[in-house]
N, C-alpha and C. Protein backbone atom coordinates (compact mmCIF):
# COMPACT_ATOMS: atom_id res chain seq x y z
N MET A 1 163.37 90.32 161.91
CA MET A 1 163.73 88.93 162.33
C MET A 1 165.13 88.88 162.51
N MET A 2 165.91 88.97 161.43
CA MET A 2 167.41 88.84 161.62
C MET A 2 168.02 89.70 162.63
N ILE A 3 167.70 91.01 162.58
CA ILE A 3 168.34 91.81 163.63
C ILE A 3 167.86 91.54 164.94
N GLY A 4 166.78 91.03 164.99
CA GLY A 4 166.22 90.73 166.40
C GLY A 4 167.08 89.62 167.10
N THR A 5 167.42 88.66 166.22
CA THR A 5 168.46 87.46 166.92
C THR A 5 169.66 88.11 167.29
N PHE A 6 170.27 89.06 166.44
CA PHE A 6 171.54 89.76 167.08
C PHE A 6 171.12 90.57 168.33
N TRP A 7 169.93 91.12 168.40
CA TRP A 7 169.64 92.05 169.68
C TRP A 7 169.51 91.13 170.77
N LYS A 8 168.73 89.85 170.57
CA LYS A 8 168.63 89.08 171.71
C LYS A 8 169.93 88.39 172.51
N THR A 9 170.87 88.37 171.46
CA THR A 9 172.10 87.86 171.98
C THR A 9 173.10 88.92 172.56
N PHE A 10 172.82 90.33 172.08
CA PHE A 10 173.53 91.37 172.58
C PHE A 10 173.01 91.58 174.11
N LYS A 11 171.79 91.40 174.32
CA LYS A 11 171.29 91.60 175.55
C LYS A 11 171.80 90.48 176.62
N GLN A 12 172.38 89.36 176.04
CA GLN A 12 172.85 88.45 177.01
C GLN A 12 174.40 88.34 177.12
N VAL A 13 174.97 89.27 176.48
CA VAL A 13 176.52 89.34 176.60
C VAL A 13 177.14 89.41 177.87
N LYS A 14 176.37 90.00 178.92
CA LYS A 14 176.94 90.04 180.18
C LYS A 14 176.82 88.75 181.15
N ASP A 15 176.47 87.72 180.36
CA ASP A 15 176.38 86.32 180.93
C ASP A 15 177.84 85.86 181.18
N PRO A 16 178.11 85.47 182.56
CA PRO A 16 179.52 85.18 183.04
C PRO A 16 180.13 83.97 181.80
N ALA A 17 179.50 83.07 181.43
CA ALA A 17 180.03 82.19 180.42
C ALA A 17 180.30 82.76 179.15
N ILE A 18 179.62 83.69 178.60
CA ILE A 18 179.89 84.50 177.35
C ILE A 18 180.98 85.41 177.60
N LEU A 19 181.06 86.10 178.75
CA LEU A 19 182.16 87.00 178.80
C LEU A 19 183.47 86.36 178.98
N LYS A 20 183.47 85.18 179.47
CA LYS A 20 184.58 84.35 179.82
C LYS A 20 185.32 83.96 178.27
N ALA A 21 184.29 83.53 177.51
CA ALA A 21 184.74 83.09 176.11
C ALA A 21 185.07 84.44 175.19
N LEU A 22 184.44 85.51 175.46
CA LEU A 22 184.97 86.73 174.72
C LEU A 22 186.46 87.24 175.17
N PHE A 23 186.57 86.99 176.56
CA PHE A 23 187.85 87.52 177.12
C PHE A 23 189.06 86.53 176.65
N TRP A 24 188.71 85.31 176.45
CA TRP A 24 189.88 84.34 176.11
C TRP A 24 190.09 84.42 174.64
N SER A 25 189.03 84.45 173.85
CA SER A 25 189.21 84.62 172.45
C SER A 25 189.88 85.86 171.91
N THR A 26 189.45 86.95 172.57
CA THR A 26 190.01 88.39 172.24
C THR A 26 191.56 88.30 172.67
N LEU A 27 191.94 87.69 173.75
CA LEU A 27 193.27 87.80 174.15
C LEU A 27 194.07 86.84 173.21
N LEU A 28 193.61 85.81 172.85
CA LEU A 28 194.50 84.90 172.00
C LEU A 28 194.47 85.46 170.42
N THR A 29 193.49 86.17 170.06
CA THR A 29 193.56 86.80 168.90
C THR A 29 194.52 87.96 168.76
N MET A 30 194.54 88.55 169.96
CA MET A 30 195.52 89.94 169.69
C MET A 30 196.87 89.34 169.81
N ALA A 31 197.08 88.28 170.57
CA ALA A 31 198.33 87.74 170.75
C ALA A 31 198.94 87.25 169.39
N VAL A 32 197.84 86.46 168.87
CA VAL A 32 198.48 85.91 167.46
C VAL A 32 198.67 86.96 166.38
N ILE A 33 197.99 88.04 166.41
CA ILE A 33 198.16 89.12 165.51
C ILE A 33 199.41 89.83 165.78
N LEU A 34 199.71 90.16 167.08
CA LEU A 34 200.92 90.93 167.40
C LEU A 34 202.13 90.02 167.09
N LEU A 35 202.09 88.87 167.56
CA LEU A 35 203.10 87.97 167.38
C LEU A 35 203.35 87.83 165.81
N SER A 36 202.43 87.70 164.87
CA SER A 36 202.62 87.34 163.48
C SER A 36 203.30 88.80 162.80
N ILE A 37 202.63 89.84 163.25
CA ILE A 37 203.23 91.12 162.80
C ILE A 37 204.67 91.27 163.11
N GLY A 38 205.03 90.91 164.45
CA GLY A 38 206.36 90.94 164.78
C GLY A 38 207.38 90.11 164.15
N LEU A 39 206.90 88.84 163.82
CA LEU A 39 207.55 87.89 162.93
C LEU A 39 207.66 88.31 161.45
N GLY A 40 206.67 88.83 160.96
CA GLY A 40 206.71 89.54 159.72
C GLY A 40 207.71 90.56 159.36
N PHE A 41 207.72 91.49 160.42
CA PHE A 41 208.76 92.64 160.39
C PHE A 41 210.03 92.06 160.54
N THR A 42 210.37 91.12 161.43
CA THR A 42 211.50 90.47 161.62
C THR A 42 212.18 89.75 160.39
N PHE A 43 211.22 89.13 159.66
CA PHE A 43 211.48 88.46 158.40
C PHE A 43 211.90 89.36 157.49
N LEU A 44 211.07 90.65 157.23
CA LEU A 44 211.48 91.67 156.30
C LEU A 44 212.82 92.30 156.54
N GLU A 45 213.17 92.55 157.95
CA GLU A 45 214.49 92.98 158.28
C GLU A 45 215.67 91.99 157.93
N THR A 46 215.41 90.74 158.09
CA THR A 46 216.23 89.67 157.66
C THR A 46 216.61 89.71 156.22
N ILE A 47 215.53 89.95 155.50
CA ILE A 47 215.86 89.87 154.04
C ILE A 47 216.54 91.37 153.60
N MET A 48 216.30 92.34 154.19
CA MET A 48 217.04 93.58 153.86
C MET A 48 218.44 93.43 154.41
N ASP A 49 218.81 92.79 155.57
CA ASP A 49 220.15 92.57 155.87
C ASP A 49 220.93 91.73 154.90
N MET A 50 220.15 90.70 154.43
CA MET A 50 220.94 89.72 153.40
C MET A 50 221.35 90.48 152.27
N PHE A 51 220.57 91.42 151.96
CA PHE A 51 220.86 92.19 150.61
C PHE A 51 221.53 93.61 150.99
N SER A 52 221.91 93.76 152.11
CA SER A 52 222.48 95.09 152.60
C SER A 52 223.70 95.64 151.59
N GLU A 53 224.57 94.74 151.32
CA GLU A 53 225.67 95.11 150.55
C GLU A 53 225.22 95.58 149.18
N THR A 54 224.33 94.70 148.49
CA THR A 54 223.79 95.06 147.28
C THR A 54 223.04 96.38 147.24
N LEU A 55 222.35 96.67 148.15
CA LEU A 55 221.49 97.80 148.46
C LEU A 55 222.34 99.02 148.59
N GLN A 56 223.49 99.09 149.10
CA GLN A 56 224.52 99.92 149.29
C GLN A 56 225.23 100.31 148.00
N GLU A 57 225.37 99.29 147.09
CA GLU A 57 225.94 99.40 145.75
C GLU A 57 224.94 100.23 144.91
N TRP A 58 223.62 99.84 145.18
CA TRP A 58 222.61 100.45 144.06
C TRP A 58 222.26 101.91 144.63
N PHE A 59 222.24 102.05 145.95
CA PHE A 59 221.73 103.43 146.62
C PHE A 59 222.72 104.21 147.22
N GLY A 60 223.85 103.69 147.44
CA GLY A 60 225.05 104.34 148.21
C GLY A 60 224.46 104.94 149.58
N LYS A 61 224.74 106.14 149.87
CA LYS A 61 224.16 106.77 151.09
C LYS A 61 222.67 106.77 151.23
N GLY A 62 221.84 106.46 150.06
CA GLY A 62 220.56 106.44 150.15
C GLY A 62 219.84 105.15 150.56
N GLU A 63 220.88 104.24 150.94
CA GLU A 63 220.32 102.87 151.25
C GLU A 63 219.55 102.91 152.60
N SER A 64 220.11 103.74 153.58
CA SER A 64 219.26 103.80 154.76
C SER A 64 217.90 104.47 154.56
N TRP A 65 217.72 105.36 153.56
CA TRP A 65 216.40 105.86 153.24
C TRP A 65 215.38 104.90 152.38
N PHE A 66 216.10 104.25 151.53
CA PHE A 66 215.38 103.08 150.80
C PHE A 66 214.91 102.05 152.00
N ARG A 67 215.89 101.74 152.85
CA ARG A 67 215.26 100.67 153.85
C ARG A 67 214.13 101.26 154.63
N GLY A 68 214.15 102.37 155.14
CA GLY A 68 213.08 103.13 155.80
C GLY A 68 211.70 103.03 155.10
N VAL A 69 211.88 103.31 153.77
CA VAL A 69 210.60 103.27 152.85
C VAL A 69 210.11 101.91 152.91
N VAL A 70 211.00 100.83 152.66
CA VAL A 70 210.50 99.47 152.45
C VAL A 70 209.89 98.91 153.88
N GLN A 71 210.47 99.46 154.99
CA GLN A 71 209.99 99.14 156.29
C GLN A 71 208.57 99.64 156.59
N PHE A 72 208.37 100.84 156.07
CA PHE A 72 207.11 101.55 156.25
C PHE A 72 206.07 100.87 155.46
N LEU A 73 206.51 100.61 154.16
CA LEU A 73 205.37 99.94 153.31
C LEU A 73 205.27 98.51 153.69
N GLY A 74 206.23 97.83 154.30
CA GLY A 74 206.07 96.39 154.74
C GLY A 74 205.04 96.45 155.98
N ALA A 75 205.34 97.28 156.92
CA ALA A 75 204.54 97.41 158.13
C ALA A 75 203.05 97.74 157.79
N PHE A 76 202.88 98.59 156.68
CA PHE A 76 201.66 99.16 156.39
C PHE A 76 200.85 97.99 155.66
N LEU A 77 201.43 97.22 154.93
CA LEU A 77 200.99 95.95 154.32
C LEU A 77 200.41 94.98 155.25
N LEU A 78 201.19 94.88 156.33
CA LEU A 78 201.02 93.61 157.39
C LEU A 78 199.88 94.09 158.20
N ILE A 79 199.80 95.34 158.40
CA ILE A 79 198.65 95.94 159.17
C ILE A 79 197.20 95.87 158.46
N ILE A 80 197.43 96.07 157.06
CA ILE A 80 196.16 95.97 156.22
C ILE A 80 195.66 94.46 156.27
N PHE A 81 196.78 93.66 156.03
CA PHE A 81 196.45 92.22 155.90
C PHE A 81 195.86 91.69 157.15
N PHE A 82 196.38 92.01 158.30
CA PHE A 82 195.78 91.60 159.62
C PHE A 82 194.54 92.20 159.90
N TYR A 83 194.28 93.55 159.43
CA TYR A 83 193.02 94.27 159.51
C TYR A 83 191.92 93.24 159.03
N PHE A 84 192.24 92.84 157.63
CA PHE A 84 191.24 91.97 156.88
C PHE A 84 191.08 90.57 157.52
N LEU A 85 192.19 90.17 158.22
CA LEU A 85 192.20 88.76 158.92
C LEU A 85 191.48 88.75 160.31
N PHE A 86 191.31 89.94 160.75
CA PHE A 86 191.04 89.91 162.24
C PHE A 86 189.72 89.25 162.51
N ALA A 87 188.68 89.47 161.68
CA ALA A 87 187.40 88.82 161.63
C ALA A 87 187.48 87.27 161.65
N GLY A 88 188.33 86.81 160.70
CA GLY A 88 188.38 85.24 160.70
C GLY A 88 189.25 84.70 161.95
N ILE A 89 190.26 85.39 162.39
CA ILE A 89 191.20 84.89 163.40
C ILE A 89 190.20 84.93 164.76
N HIS A 90 189.54 86.13 164.83
CA HIS A 90 188.74 86.24 166.04
C HIS A 90 187.66 85.21 166.08
N GLY A 91 187.03 84.93 164.96
CA GLY A 91 185.95 84.13 164.86
C GLY A 91 186.42 82.62 165.05
N ALA A 92 187.64 82.31 164.60
CA ALA A 92 188.12 80.96 164.99
C ALA A 92 188.43 80.75 166.48
N PHE A 93 188.94 81.59 167.17
CA PHE A 93 188.97 81.37 168.64
C PHE A 93 187.71 81.54 169.32
N VAL A 94 186.91 82.33 168.96
CA VAL A 94 185.56 82.09 169.53
C VAL A 94 184.92 80.70 169.33
N GLY A 95 185.21 80.09 168.14
CA GLY A 95 184.86 78.77 167.80
C GLY A 95 185.25 77.78 168.80
N ILE A 96 186.36 77.93 169.34
CA ILE A 96 186.96 76.98 170.37
C ILE A 96 185.96 76.99 171.54
N PHE A 97 185.54 78.28 172.02
CA PHE A 97 184.75 78.28 173.13
C PHE A 97 183.20 78.46 172.96
N ILE A 98 182.95 78.17 171.60
CA ILE A 98 181.47 78.36 171.28
C ILE A 98 180.49 77.59 172.08
N ASP A 99 180.83 76.55 172.50
CA ASP A 99 179.91 75.70 173.24
C ASP A 99 179.49 76.23 174.35
N ASP A 100 180.37 77.00 175.29
CA ASP A 100 180.08 77.75 176.43
C ASP A 100 179.02 78.77 176.09
N ILE A 101 179.08 79.40 175.04
CA ILE A 101 178.18 80.53 174.55
C ILE A 101 176.97 79.88 174.12
N LEU A 102 176.68 78.71 173.37
CA LEU A 102 175.64 78.05 172.92
C LEU A 102 174.83 77.54 174.19
N ASP A 103 175.52 76.85 175.04
CA ASP A 103 174.92 76.44 176.24
C ASP A 103 174.10 77.56 177.03
N ALA A 104 174.89 78.73 177.16
CA ALA A 104 174.31 79.84 178.04
C ALA A 104 172.95 80.25 177.25
N ILE A 105 172.99 80.37 176.03
CA ILE A 105 171.82 81.00 175.20
C ILE A 105 170.85 79.95 175.32
N GLN A 106 171.16 78.66 174.95
CA GLN A 106 169.97 77.78 175.12
C GLN A 106 169.33 77.55 176.45
N GLU A 107 170.16 77.45 177.58
CA GLU A 107 169.68 77.57 179.12
C GLU A 107 168.67 78.59 179.20
N HIS A 108 168.98 79.72 178.68
CA HIS A 108 168.20 81.21 178.91
C HIS A 108 166.93 81.11 178.02
N HIS A 109 167.06 80.82 176.80
CA HIS A 109 165.93 80.96 175.90
C HIS A 109 165.20 79.80 175.48
N TYR A 110 165.87 78.58 175.45
CA TYR A 110 165.27 77.41 175.07
C TYR A 110 165.57 76.18 175.89
N PRO A 111 165.18 76.17 177.22
CA PRO A 111 165.58 75.26 178.10
C PRO A 111 164.83 73.87 177.83
N ASP A 112 163.78 73.93 177.07
CA ASP A 112 163.03 72.63 176.83
C ASP A 112 163.37 71.83 175.56
N ILE A 113 164.34 72.56 174.65
CA ILE A 113 164.64 71.94 173.32
C ILE A 113 165.70 70.91 173.53
N THR A 114 165.53 69.80 172.71
CA THR A 114 166.60 68.83 172.56
C THR A 114 167.96 69.28 172.26
N TRP A 115 168.89 68.89 173.08
CA TRP A 115 170.26 69.64 172.89
C TRP A 115 171.30 68.60 173.10
N ALA A 116 172.11 68.37 172.05
CA ALA A 116 173.18 67.37 172.15
C ALA A 116 174.36 67.82 172.83
N LYS A 117 175.11 66.67 173.44
CA LYS A 117 176.24 67.11 174.22
C LYS A 117 177.33 67.77 173.41
N ALA A 118 178.05 68.71 174.01
CA ALA A 118 179.02 69.33 173.52
C ALA A 118 180.14 68.47 173.01
N PRO A 119 180.82 68.68 171.91
CA PRO A 119 182.07 67.97 171.54
C PRO A 119 183.24 68.10 172.55
N SER A 120 184.09 67.17 172.42
CA SER A 120 185.45 67.24 173.31
C SER A 120 186.17 68.69 172.99
N THR A 121 187.04 68.92 173.94
CA THR A 121 187.73 70.15 173.87
C THR A 121 188.80 70.02 172.65
N LEU A 122 189.23 68.69 172.33
CA LEU A 122 190.13 68.53 171.18
C LEU A 122 189.35 68.72 169.93
N LYS A 123 188.11 68.17 169.92
CA LYS A 123 187.44 68.51 168.54
C LYS A 123 187.05 69.95 168.43
N SER A 124 186.70 70.50 169.54
CA SER A 124 186.25 72.13 169.49
C SER A 124 187.69 72.85 169.02
N CYS A 125 188.82 72.46 169.35
CA CYS A 125 190.01 73.05 168.95
C CYS A 125 190.21 72.83 167.57
N LEU A 126 189.91 71.69 166.99
CA LEU A 126 190.02 71.44 165.63
C LEU A 126 189.15 72.12 164.62
N LEU A 127 187.85 72.13 165.35
CA LEU A 127 186.96 72.83 164.56
C LEU A 127 187.19 74.36 164.40
N GLY A 128 187.87 74.94 165.52
CA GLY A 128 188.30 76.27 165.49
C GLY A 128 189.41 76.54 164.55
N MET A 129 190.45 75.61 164.67
CA MET A 129 191.53 75.48 163.71
C MET A 129 191.06 75.60 162.20
N ARG A 130 190.04 74.77 161.95
CA ARG A 130 189.59 74.68 160.54
C ARG A 130 189.13 75.93 159.97
N ILE A 131 188.37 76.70 160.89
CA ILE A 131 187.85 78.14 160.53
C ILE A 131 189.07 78.96 160.30
N LEU A 132 190.09 78.88 161.09
CA LEU A 132 191.47 79.70 161.06
C LEU A 132 192.05 79.47 159.65
N VAL A 133 192.25 78.19 159.31
CA VAL A 133 192.83 77.77 158.25
C VAL A 133 192.13 78.16 156.97
N SER A 134 190.71 77.82 157.00
CA SER A 134 189.85 78.37 155.79
C SER A 134 190.01 79.86 155.83
N THR A 135 190.02 80.75 156.57
CA THR A 135 189.96 82.19 156.72
C THR A 135 191.34 82.54 156.03
N LEU A 136 192.50 81.91 156.48
CA LEU A 136 193.66 82.31 156.17
C LEU A 136 193.95 82.09 154.58
N LEU A 137 193.43 81.01 154.16
CA LEU A 137 193.59 80.49 152.66
C LEU A 137 192.82 81.49 151.92
N LEU A 138 191.50 81.71 152.12
CA LEU A 138 190.61 82.46 151.51
C LEU A 138 191.11 83.95 151.26
N ASN A 139 191.56 84.45 152.51
CA ASN A 139 191.87 85.82 152.50
C ASN A 139 193.29 86.13 151.91
N ILE A 140 194.21 85.10 152.04
CA ILE A 140 195.66 85.12 151.29
C ILE A 140 195.25 85.08 149.73
N LEU A 141 194.36 84.32 149.28
CA LEU A 141 194.02 84.19 147.83
C LEU A 141 193.37 85.68 147.40
N ALA A 142 192.47 86.17 148.37
CA ALA A 142 191.76 87.25 147.90
C ALA A 142 192.45 88.69 148.41
N PHE A 143 193.78 88.50 148.78
CA PHE A 143 194.57 89.68 149.27
C PHE A 143 194.86 90.67 148.30
N PRO A 144 195.15 90.38 147.04
CA PRO A 144 195.42 91.48 146.10
C PRO A 144 194.14 92.31 145.77
N ILE A 145 193.03 91.61 145.74
CA ILE A 145 191.68 92.42 145.53
C ILE A 145 191.45 93.29 146.67
N LEU A 146 191.70 92.80 148.08
CA LEU A 146 191.44 93.57 149.14
C LEU A 146 192.46 94.73 149.20
N VAL A 147 193.71 94.58 148.82
CA VAL A 147 194.65 95.69 148.76
C VAL A 147 194.16 96.85 147.75
N ILE A 148 193.82 96.25 146.54
CA ILE A 148 193.35 97.19 145.52
C ILE A 148 192.06 97.86 146.04
N GLY A 149 191.14 96.96 146.71
CA GLY A 149 189.93 97.68 147.23
C GLY A 149 190.12 98.70 148.27
N TRP A 150 191.27 98.69 149.08
CA TRP A 150 191.56 99.51 150.03
C TRP A 150 191.64 101.13 149.72
N PHE A 151 191.99 101.15 148.27
CA PHE A 151 192.16 102.36 147.80
C PHE A 151 190.97 102.74 147.00
N ILE A 152 189.99 101.85 146.95
CA ILE A 152 188.62 102.10 146.30
C ILE A 152 187.51 101.47 147.49
N PRO A 153 187.47 102.20 148.59
CA PRO A 153 186.61 101.73 149.85
C PRO A 153 185.54 100.92 149.55
N PRO A 154 184.51 101.26 148.48
CA PRO A 154 183.31 100.40 148.47
C PRO A 154 183.74 98.98 147.83
N VAL A 155 184.71 98.87 147.02
CA VAL A 155 185.07 97.62 146.40
C VAL A 155 185.56 96.71 147.64
N GLY A 156 186.67 97.31 148.20
CA GLY A 156 187.33 96.42 149.32
C GLY A 156 186.39 96.12 150.28
N LEU A 157 185.67 96.98 150.80
CA LEU A 157 184.66 96.75 152.15
C LEU A 157 183.59 95.62 151.59
N THR A 158 183.03 96.05 150.50
CA THR A 158 181.91 95.03 150.00
C THR A 158 182.65 93.54 149.89
N PHE A 159 183.71 93.37 149.24
CA PHE A 159 184.31 92.12 149.09
C PHE A 159 184.71 91.51 150.24
N HIS A 160 185.26 92.24 151.14
CA HIS A 160 185.64 91.82 152.53
C HIS A 160 184.31 91.28 153.42
N VAL A 161 183.17 92.10 153.33
CA VAL A 161 182.06 91.63 153.96
C VAL A 161 181.54 90.34 153.44
N ILE A 162 181.36 90.34 152.19
CA ILE A 162 180.81 89.16 151.53
C ILE A 162 181.60 87.83 151.69
N LEU A 163 183.04 87.92 151.58
CA LEU A 163 183.77 86.92 151.77
C LEU A 163 183.75 86.31 153.23
N ASN A 164 183.95 87.19 154.16
CA ASN A 164 183.89 86.71 155.53
C ASN A 164 182.30 86.43 155.99
N GLY A 165 181.47 87.06 155.49
CA GLY A 165 180.07 86.65 155.70
C GLY A 165 179.79 85.28 155.33
N TYR A 166 180.07 85.00 154.10
CA TYR A 166 179.87 83.64 153.59
C TYR A 166 180.69 82.64 154.39
N LEU A 167 182.00 82.69 154.67
CA LEU A 167 182.68 81.90 155.35
C LEU A 167 182.34 81.72 156.82
N LEU A 168 182.25 82.81 157.59
CA LEU A 168 181.81 82.57 158.92
C LEU A 168 180.36 82.23 159.30
N GLY A 169 179.44 82.51 158.34
CA GLY A 169 178.12 82.19 158.45
C GLY A 169 178.15 80.51 158.23
N LYS A 170 178.73 80.01 157.26
CA LYS A 170 178.78 78.59 156.91
C LYS A 170 179.50 77.94 158.12
N GLU A 171 180.62 78.37 158.50
CA GLU A 171 181.33 77.44 159.53
C GLU A 171 180.57 77.62 160.88
N TYR A 172 180.05 78.69 161.20
CA TYR A 172 179.28 78.78 162.63
C TYR A 172 177.94 77.90 162.60
N GLY A 173 177.39 77.94 161.30
CA GLY A 173 176.16 77.11 161.00
C GLY A 173 176.48 75.74 161.33
N GLN A 174 177.71 75.27 160.73
CA GLN A 174 178.06 73.93 161.07
C GLN A 174 178.53 73.51 162.39
N LEU A 175 179.17 74.50 163.20
CA LEU A 175 179.29 74.26 164.59
C LEU A 175 178.00 74.02 165.40
N ILE A 176 176.98 74.82 164.97
CA ILE A 176 175.69 74.83 165.76
C ILE A 176 174.98 73.59 165.54
N GLU A 177 175.10 73.02 164.19
CA GLU A 177 174.30 71.89 163.83
C GLU A 177 174.86 70.69 164.64
N PHE A 178 176.18 70.67 165.10
CA PHE A 178 176.57 69.57 165.94
C PHE A 178 175.75 69.57 167.21
N ARG A 179 175.15 70.59 167.71
CA ARG A 179 174.46 70.50 169.04
C ARG A 179 172.96 70.19 168.80
N ILE A 180 172.42 70.20 167.64
CA ILE A 180 171.03 69.94 167.32
C ILE A 180 170.90 68.70 166.65
N PRO A 181 170.28 67.68 167.29
CA PRO A 181 170.11 66.40 166.69
C PRO A 181 169.16 66.59 165.39
N ASN A 182 169.59 66.05 164.40
CA ASN A 182 168.87 66.14 163.08
C ASN A 182 167.77 65.11 162.89
N ASP A 183 166.57 65.84 162.70
CA ASP A 183 165.33 65.04 162.51
C ASP A 183 165.16 65.09 161.03
N SER A 184 165.44 64.05 160.27
CA SER A 184 165.49 64.27 158.76
C SER A 184 163.93 64.42 158.17
N SER A 185 163.04 64.20 158.98
CA SER A 185 161.57 64.31 158.71
C SER A 185 161.11 65.91 158.46
N ASN A 186 161.94 66.68 159.42
CA ASN A 186 161.43 68.13 159.17
C ASN A 186 162.58 69.10 159.01
N HIS A 187 163.72 68.54 158.85
CA HIS A 187 164.96 69.20 158.83
C HIS A 187 165.38 69.67 157.27
N LYS A 188 165.47 70.89 157.04
CA LYS A 188 165.90 71.28 155.72
C LYS A 188 167.29 72.04 155.84
N LYS A 189 167.99 72.30 154.88
CA LYS A 189 169.28 72.87 154.91
C LYS A 189 169.15 74.36 155.08
N VAL A 190 169.69 74.98 155.99
CA VAL A 190 169.49 76.48 156.24
C VAL A 190 170.83 77.27 155.96
N SER A 191 170.72 78.40 155.31
CA SER A 191 171.80 79.15 154.91
C SER A 191 171.87 80.47 156.14
N TYR A 192 173.07 80.55 156.45
CA TYR A 192 173.32 81.67 157.38
C TYR A 192 174.19 82.76 156.92
N PHE A 193 174.21 82.85 155.60
CA PHE A 193 174.76 83.93 154.85
C PHE A 193 174.53 85.29 155.35
N SER A 194 173.26 85.49 155.65
CA SER A 194 172.79 86.88 156.02
C SER A 194 173.30 87.10 157.45
N ASN A 195 173.34 86.21 158.30
CA ASN A 195 173.85 86.35 159.54
C ASN A 195 175.13 86.67 159.54
N GLY A 196 176.17 85.96 158.78
CA GLY A 196 177.61 86.21 158.42
C GLY A 196 177.79 87.62 158.03
N VAL A 197 177.01 88.08 157.12
CA VAL A 197 177.25 89.57 156.38
C VAL A 197 176.91 90.38 157.62
N ILE A 198 175.75 90.42 158.17
CA ILE A 198 175.65 91.33 159.43
C ILE A 198 176.75 91.28 160.34
N ALA A 199 177.11 90.13 160.71
CA ALA A 199 178.38 90.25 161.63
C ALA A 199 179.57 90.86 160.97
N SER A 200 179.88 90.55 159.87
CA SER A 200 181.03 91.15 159.05
C SER A 200 181.02 92.61 159.06
N ILE A 201 179.85 93.28 158.99
CA ILE A 201 179.69 94.49 158.94
C ILE A 201 180.06 95.11 160.42
N ILE A 202 179.47 94.26 161.58
CA ILE A 202 179.84 94.72 162.81
C ILE A 202 181.28 94.68 163.08
N TRP A 203 181.96 93.59 162.50
CA TRP A 203 183.35 93.43 162.63
C TRP A 203 184.31 94.62 162.19
N LEU A 204 183.56 95.58 161.39
CA LEU A 204 184.33 96.80 161.00
C LEU A 204 184.10 97.87 161.82
N ILE A 205 183.32 97.77 162.92
CA ILE A 205 183.10 98.86 163.94
C ILE A 205 184.13 98.79 165.04
N PRO A 206 184.99 99.55 165.35
CA PRO A 206 185.92 99.47 166.40
C PRO A 206 185.21 99.24 167.83
N VAL A 207 185.73 98.47 168.51
CA VAL A 207 185.20 98.11 169.95
C VAL A 207 184.15 97.19 169.74
N LEU A 208 183.06 97.64 169.05
CA LEU A 208 181.84 96.72 168.92
C LEU A 208 182.19 95.25 168.21
N ASN A 209 183.36 95.49 167.39
CA ASN A 209 183.80 94.25 166.59
C ASN A 209 184.31 93.08 167.53
N LEU A 210 184.52 93.37 168.69
CA LEU A 210 184.98 92.41 169.62
C LEU A 210 183.64 91.50 169.99
N LEU A 211 182.67 91.93 169.85
CA LEU A 211 181.30 91.18 170.22
C LEU A 211 180.82 90.53 169.08
N ALA A 212 181.32 90.86 167.75
CA ALA A 212 180.79 90.29 166.59
C ALA A 212 180.70 88.74 166.47
N PRO A 213 181.69 87.80 166.82
CA PRO A 213 181.64 86.58 166.90
C PRO A 213 180.47 85.94 167.85
N ILE A 214 180.53 86.64 168.95
CA ILE A 214 179.50 86.30 169.98
C ILE A 214 178.06 86.49 169.47
N LEU A 215 177.99 87.59 168.83
CA LEU A 215 176.57 87.93 168.25
C LEU A 215 176.12 87.27 167.07
N LEU A 216 177.33 86.75 166.36
CA LEU A 216 176.87 85.84 165.14
C LEU A 216 176.71 84.33 165.70
N ALA A 217 177.29 84.01 166.60
CA ALA A 217 176.99 82.62 167.30
C ALA A 217 175.46 82.66 167.79
N GLY A 218 175.25 83.49 168.52
CA GLY A 218 173.76 83.71 169.25
C GLY A 218 172.74 83.84 167.97
N SER A 219 173.27 84.67 167.10
CA SER A 219 172.08 84.91 165.88
C SER A 219 171.94 83.67 165.29
N VAL A 220 173.00 82.92 164.78
CA VAL A 220 172.75 81.59 164.10
C VAL A 220 172.04 80.58 164.95
N LEU A 221 172.32 80.64 166.14
CA LEU A 221 171.48 79.75 167.02
C LEU A 221 170.07 80.00 167.15
N HIS A 222 169.74 81.30 167.32
CA HIS A 222 168.34 81.63 167.49
C HIS A 222 167.61 81.42 166.14
N SER A 223 168.31 81.69 165.10
CA SER A 223 167.75 81.33 163.55
C SER A 223 167.44 79.93 163.52
N ARG A 224 168.36 79.10 163.81
CA ARG A 224 168.33 77.77 163.62
C ARG A 224 167.19 77.09 164.63
N LEU A 225 167.19 77.52 165.72
CA LEU A 225 166.11 76.94 166.78
C LEU A 225 164.71 77.50 166.48
N ASN A 226 164.61 78.77 166.01
CA ASN A 226 163.27 79.21 165.43
C ASN A 226 162.90 78.35 164.23
N GLN A 227 163.73 78.16 163.46
CA GLN A 227 163.38 77.49 162.21
C GLN A 227 162.93 75.94 162.70
N LYS A 228 163.57 75.40 163.67
CA LYS A 228 163.27 74.05 164.12
C LYS A 228 162.01 74.01 164.79
N LYS A 229 161.52 75.00 165.47
CA LYS A 229 160.21 75.23 166.25
C LYS A 229 159.19 75.31 165.04
N LEU A 230 159.42 76.03 164.04
CA LEU A 230 158.56 76.22 162.97
C LEU A 230 158.10 74.92 162.26
N THR A 231 159.06 73.97 162.19
CA THR A 231 159.00 72.79 161.23
C THR A 231 158.47 71.58 162.17
N GLU A 232 158.37 71.75 163.45
CA GLU A 232 157.91 70.69 164.36
C GLU A 232 156.38 70.71 164.47
């Protein structure tokens, strides 16, 4: 059933509204990541320049060699950090355009279901920013474990999948609840952790990872509307 919701969404990826959301969210994600890596590397260079005289006193002619090692390690850590952050950042930007995706899926699969009006552009941006901030905070706190886990792949990957699966499943679930009028007589709290975990695994697969937030949004929507139908 869960895999089926991802497959139904995958078959609809070619929808123009979904492709537009995918294009802009991916473009913004790559721009933010490249800009952040550039700023991080520039900051590292600035720190090295500030202590250049001290480093020359300590290492003498080996100062340039030491600088090169630090630059390499700094770049390596930045790449790892943003590798783990990619899912959250991408998911946050898709969250800004998520209503276009949800409307396309609802019109195609559930045209007769009650559907609330999409929130304003400002509110959508704020909700997307909330996902981004939550992702940054959780991943910064978890970064030491993620780095250690990088050298013990099962630990790092498992922790990464669970962390982002919980976060994005929860956040996307809340975004979708905005579009479904709540009927307290038959509504019960639904967990989208499993949807988030599957999407987090997809985020680890090159190229296909670009579709992960689209597939997650569609999967959560299908799961929620199927549950709504069962309780009516």
